[in-house]
Amino acid sequence: MGEPVIEFHLDARSGVSPYLQLVQQVRHALRLGLLHEGDQLPTVKEVVAQLAINPNTVLKAYRELEHEGLVAARPGVGTFVTATLTDTSLAAHGPLRLELQRWLAKARRAGLDDESIEALFMTTFRTTAQEDIA
């Protein structure tokens, strides 16, 4: 079993509730292949100590993940990953990440700070996603 393999972080400015941020971070880690079946999530106690949040927030996130069939709680032992969200496109991640790193470097050279980069990306992402639906 060993050490938990994910470390949570919260962004108070995101407008996303803390419990949902935890759920999304687990989903992202599963999608990127950073978490695998059998991996243990941090205990509620560890997350509470690390993030200084209410234990019920962590429990709610873990229950949601369990409801989605992604994790299973083993009483007295911990919460473990039971499914993965990686897909066949995982091989494309490397080259895409490289391209994204190059783009980020360009954006920083152009004088954009992290918040501006994030705003630009999310606006473009949402606009493109809406065009795909239309």
C-alpha atoms as a PDB file:
ATOM      1  CA  MET A   1       0.000   0.000   0.000  1.00  0.00           C
ATOM      2  CA  GLY A   2       2.502   2.671   1.129  1.00  0.00           C
ATOM      3  CA  GLU A   3       2.251   6.430   1.065  1.00  0.00           C
ATOM      4  CA  PRO A   4      -0.680   8.292  -0.504  1.00  0.00           C
ATOM      5  CA  VAL A   5       0.267   9.387  -4.016  1.00  0.00           C
ATOM      6  CA  ILE A   6      -1.776  12.576  -4.363  1.00  0.00           C
ATOM      7  CA  GLU A   7      -1.398  15.847  -2.509  1.00  0.00           C
ATOM      8  CA  PHE A   8      -4.440  18.090  -2.529  1.00  0.00           C
ATOM      9  CA  HIS A   9      -4.399  21.867  -2.797  1.00  0.00           C
ATOM     10  CA  LEU A  10      -7.218  24.390  -2.644  1.00  0.00           C
ATOM     11  CA  ASP A  11      -7.629  27.589  -4.618  1.00  0.00           C
ATOM     12  CA  ALA A  12      -9.898  29.998  -2.725  1.00  0.00           C
ATOM     13  CA  ARG A  13     -10.133  32.261  -5.800  1.00  0.00           C
ATOM     14  CA  SER A  14     -11.413  29.543  -8.146  1.00  0.00           C
ATOM     15  CA  GLY A  15     -15.067  29.923  -7.160  1.00  0.00           C
ATOM     16  CA  VAL A  16     -15.250  26.112  -7.017  1.00  0.00           C
ATOM     17  CA  SER A  17     -16.319  24.620  -3.674  1.00  0.00           C
ATOM     18  CA  PRO A  18     -13.498  22.908  -1.724  1.00  0.00           C
ATOM     19  CA  TYR A  19     -15.156  19.477  -1.883  1.00  0.00           C
ATOM     20  CA  LEU A  20     -15.510  19.756  -5.665  1.00  0.00           C
ATOM     21  CA  GLN A  21     -11.872  20.845  -5.994  1.00  0.00           C
ATOM     22  CA  LEU A  22     -10.841  17.608  -4.229  1.00  0.00           C
ATOM     23  CA  VAL A  23     -13.090  15.537  -6.503  1.00  0.00           C
ATOM     24  CA  GLN A  24     -11.711  17.260  -9.624  1.00  0.00           C
ATOM     25  CA  GLN A  25      -8.097  16.765  -8.497  1.00  0.00           C
ATOM     26  CA  VAL A  26      -8.657  13.023  -8.082  1.00  0.00           C
ATOM     27  CA  ARG A  27     -10.399  12.837 -11.475  1.00  0.00           C
ATOM     28  CA  HIS A  28      -7.523  14.766 -13.138  1.00  0.00           C
ATOM     29  CA  ALA A  29      -4.926  12.510 -11.516  1.00  0.00           C
ATOM     30  CA  LEU A  30      -6.859   9.448 -12.734  1.00  0.00           C
ATOM     31  CA  ARG A  31      -7.209  10.888 -16.233  1.00  0.00           C
ATOM     32  CA  LEU A  32      -3.484  11.697 -16.452  1.00  0.00           C
ATOM     33  CA  GLY A  33      -2.454   8.291 -15.139  1.00  0.00           C
ATOM     34  CA  LEU A  34      -0.952   9.745 -11.939  1.00  0.00           C
ATOM     35  CA  LEU A  35      -3.267   7.599  -9.800  1.00  0.00           C
ATOM     36  CA  HIS A  36      -3.750   3.903 -10.467  1.00  0.00           C
ATOM     37  CA  GLU A  37      -6.029   1.144  -9.209  1.00  0.00           C
ATOM     38  CA  GLY A  38      -4.975   0.180  -5.702  1.00  0.00           C
ATOM     39  CA  ASP A  39      -3.403   3.558  -4.873  1.00  0.00           C
ATOM     40  CA  GLN A  40      -4.446   4.993  -1.523  1.00  0.00           C
ATOM     41  CA  LEU A  41      -5.907   8.477  -1.167  1.00  0.00           C
ATOM     42  CA  PRO A  42      -4.729  10.504   1.832  1.00  0.00           C
ATOM     43  CA  THR A  43      -6.793   9.842   4.953  1.00  0.00           C
ATOM     44  CA  VAL A  44      -9.419  12.383   5.939  1.00  0.00           C
ATOM     45  CA  LYS A  45      -7.213  13.253   8.939  1.00  0.00           C
ATOM     46  CA  GLU A  46      -4.196  13.914   6.664  1.00  0.00           C
ATOM     47  CA  VAL A  47      -6.207  16.137   4.294  1.00  0.00           C
ATOM     48  CA  VAL A  48      -7.706  18.076   7.214  1.00  0.00           C
ATOM     49  CA  ALA A  49      -4.215  18.610   8.698  1.00  0.00           C
ATOM     50  CA  GLN A  50      -2.739  19.630   5.344  1.00  0.00           C
ATOM     51  CA  LEU A  51      -5.504  21.961   4.141  1.00  0.00           C
ATOM     52  CA  ALA A  52      -7.123  23.059   7.422  1.00  0.00           C
ATOM     53  CA  ILE A  53     -10.635  22.229   6.162  1.00  0.00           C
ATOM     54  CA  ASN A  54     -13.665  20.587   7.722  1.00  0.00           C
ATOM     55  CA  PRO A  55     -13.511  16.757   7.800  1.00  0.00           C
ATOM     56  CA  ASN A  56     -17.077  16.682   6.392  1.00  0.00           C
ATOM     57  CA  THR A  57     -15.784  18.430   3.238  1.00  0.00           C
ATOM     58  CA  VAL A  58     -13.261  15.646   2.656  1.00  0.00           C
ATOM     59  CA  LEU A  59     -15.818  12.953   3.480  1.00  0.00           C
ATOM     60  CA  LYS A  60     -18.276  14.502   1.005  1.00  0.00           C
ATOM     61  CA  ALA A  61     -15.614  14.473  -1.741  1.00  0.00           C
ATOM     62  CA  TYR A  62     -14.640  10.855  -1.015  1.00  0.00           C
ATOM     63  CA  ARG A  63     -18.332   9.798  -0.960  1.00  0.00           C
ATOM     64  CA  GLU A  64     -18.869  11.462  -4.336  1.00  0.00           C
ATOM     65  CA  LEU A  65     -15.840   9.623  -5.794  1.00  0.00           C
ATOM     66  CA  GLU A  66     -17.143   6.380  -4.296  1.00  0.00           C
ATOM     67  CA  HIS A  67     -20.590   7.020  -5.788  1.00  0.00           C
ATOM     68  CA  GLU A  68     -18.878   7.455  -9.194  1.00  0.00           C
ATOM     69  CA  GLY A  69     -17.205   4.074  -8.712  1.00  0.00           C
ATOM     70  CA  LEU A  70     -13.688   5.548  -8.734  1.00  0.00           C
ATOM     71  CA  VAL A  71     -12.685   4.775  -5.145  1.00  0.00           C
ATOM     72  CA  ALA A  72     -13.704   2.453  -2.326  1.00  0.00           C
ATOM     73  CA  ALA A  73     -13.403   3.057   1.402  1.00  0.00           C
ATOM     74  CA  ARG A  74     -12.040   0.220   3.527  1.00  0.00           C
ATOM     75  CA  PRO A  75     -13.069   0.989   7.111  1.00  0.00           C
ATOM     76  CA  GLY A  76     -10.051   1.308   9.367  1.00  0.00           C
ATOM     77  CA  VAL A  77      -7.659   1.054   6.408  1.00  0.00           C
ATOM     78  CA  GLY A  78      -8.306   3.967   4.054  1.00  0.00           C
ATOM     79  CA  THR A  79      -9.756   4.948   0.701  1.00  0.00           C
ATOM     80  CA  PHE A  80      -8.371   3.270  -2.395  1.00  0.00           C
ATOM     81  CA  VAL A  81      -8.632   3.865  -6.133  1.00  0.00           C
ATOM     82  CA  THR A  82     -10.786   1.187  -7.779  1.00  0.00           C
ATOM     83  CA  ALA A  83     -11.014   2.515 -11.349  1.00  0.00           C
ATOM     84  CA  THR A  84      -9.047   4.690 -13.710  1.00  0.00           C
ATOM     85  CA  LEU A  85     -10.013   7.334 -16.239  1.00  0.00           C
ATOM     86  CA  THR A  86      -6.963   7.031 -18.488  1.00  0.00           C
ATOM     87  CA  ASP A  87      -7.739   6.435 -22.107  1.00  0.00           C
ATOM     88  CA  THR A  88      -5.863   5.583 -25.266  1.00  0.00           C
ATOM     89  CA  SER A  89      -5.006   9.248 -25.830  1.00  0.00           C
ATOM     90  CA  LEU A  90      -2.522   9.092 -22.935  1.00  0.00           C
ATOM     91  CA  ALA A  91       0.295   8.645 -25.468  1.00  0.00           C
ATOM     92  CA  ALA A  92      -0.567  12.048 -26.934  1.00  0.00           C
ATOM     93  CA  HIS A  93      -0.051  13.772 -23.571  1.00  0.00           C
ATOM     94  CA  GLY A  94       3.753  13.992 -23.868  1.00  0.00           C
ATOM     95  CA  PRO A  95       3.899  15.939 -27.152  1.00  0.00           C
ATOM     96  CA  LEU A  96       0.902  18.087 -26.166  1.00  0.00           C
ATOM     97  CA  ARG A  97       2.468  18.912 -22.801  1.00  0.00           C
ATOM     98  CA  LEU A  98       5.673  19.954 -24.583  1.00  0.00           C
ATOM     99  CA  GLU A  99       3.698  22.239 -26.901  1.00  0.00           C
ATOM    100  CA  LEU A 100       1.830  23.700 -23.936  1.00  0.00           C
ATOM    101  CA  GLN A 101       5.100  24.323 -22.063  1.00  0.00           C
ATOM    102  CA  ARG A 102       6.442  26.171 -25.121  1.00  0.00           C
ATOM    103  CA  TRP A 103       3.247  28.233 -25.316  1.00  0.00           C
ATOM    104  CA  LEU A 104       3.475  29.053 -21.590  1.00  0.00           C
ATOM    105  CA  ALA A 105       7.083  30.192 -22.019  1.00  0.00           C
ATOM    106  CA  LYS A 106       5.985  32.455 -24.922  1.00  0.00           C
ATOM    107  CA  ALA A 107       3.141  33.891 -22.840  1.00  0.00           C
ATOM    108  CA  ARG A 108       5.524  34.654 -19.956  1.00  0.00           C
ATOM    109  CA  ARG A 109       8.031  36.288 -22.340  1.00  0.00           C
ATOM    110  CA  ALA A 110       5.129  38.415 -23.605  1.00  0.00           C
ATOM    111  CA  GLY A 111       4.717  39.666 -20.027  1.00  0.00           C
ATOM    112  CA  LEU A 112       1.640  37.686 -18.913  1.00  0.00           C
ATOM    113  CA  ASP A 113       1.483  36.637 -15.269  1.00  0.00           C
ATOM    114  CA  ASP A 114      -0.011  33.308 -14.144  1.00  0.00           C
ATOM    115  CA  GLU A 115      -3.461  34.775 -13.536  1.00  0.00           C
ATOM    116  CA  SER A 116      -3.563  36.347 -17.022  1.00  0.00           C
ATOM    117  CA  ILE A 117      -2.358  33.106 -18.619  1.00  0.00           C
ATOM    118  CA  GLU A 118      -5.052  31.138 -16.770  1.00  0.00           C
ATOM    119  CA  ALA A 119      -7.743  33.662 -17.755  1.00  0.00           C
ATOM    120  CA  LEU A 120      -6.647  33.571 -21.407  1.00  0.00           C
ATOM    121  CA  PHE A 121      -6.578  29.779 -21.450  1.00  0.00           C
ATOM    122  CA  MET A 122      -9.957  29.316 -19.721  1.00  0.00           C
ATOM    123  CA  THR A 123     -11.698  31.916 -21.905  1.00  0.00           C
ATOM    124  CA  THR A 124     -10.312  30.311 -25.053  1.00  0.00           C
ATOM    125  CA  PHE A 125     -11.100  26.824 -23.730  1.00  0.00           C
ATOM    126  CA  ARG A 126     -14.734  27.724 -22.936  1.00  0.00           C
ATOM    127  CA  THR A 127     -15.237  29.523 -26.253  1.00  0.00           C
ATOM    128  CA  THR A 128     -13.841  26.566 -28.190  1.00  0.00           C
ATOM    129  CA  ALA A 129     -15.905  24.073 -26.160  1.00  0.00           C
ATOM    130  CA  GLN A 130     -19.096  26.056 -26.913  1.00  0.00           C
ATOM    131  CA  GLU A 131     -18.239  26.170 -30.619  1.00  0.00           C
ATOM    132  CA  ASP A 132     -17.790  22.373 -30.597  1.00  0.00           C
ATOM    133  CA  ILE A 133     -21.302  21.988 -29.150  1.00  0.00           C
ATOM    134  CA  ALA A 134     -22.911  24.340 -31.671  1.00  0.00           C
END
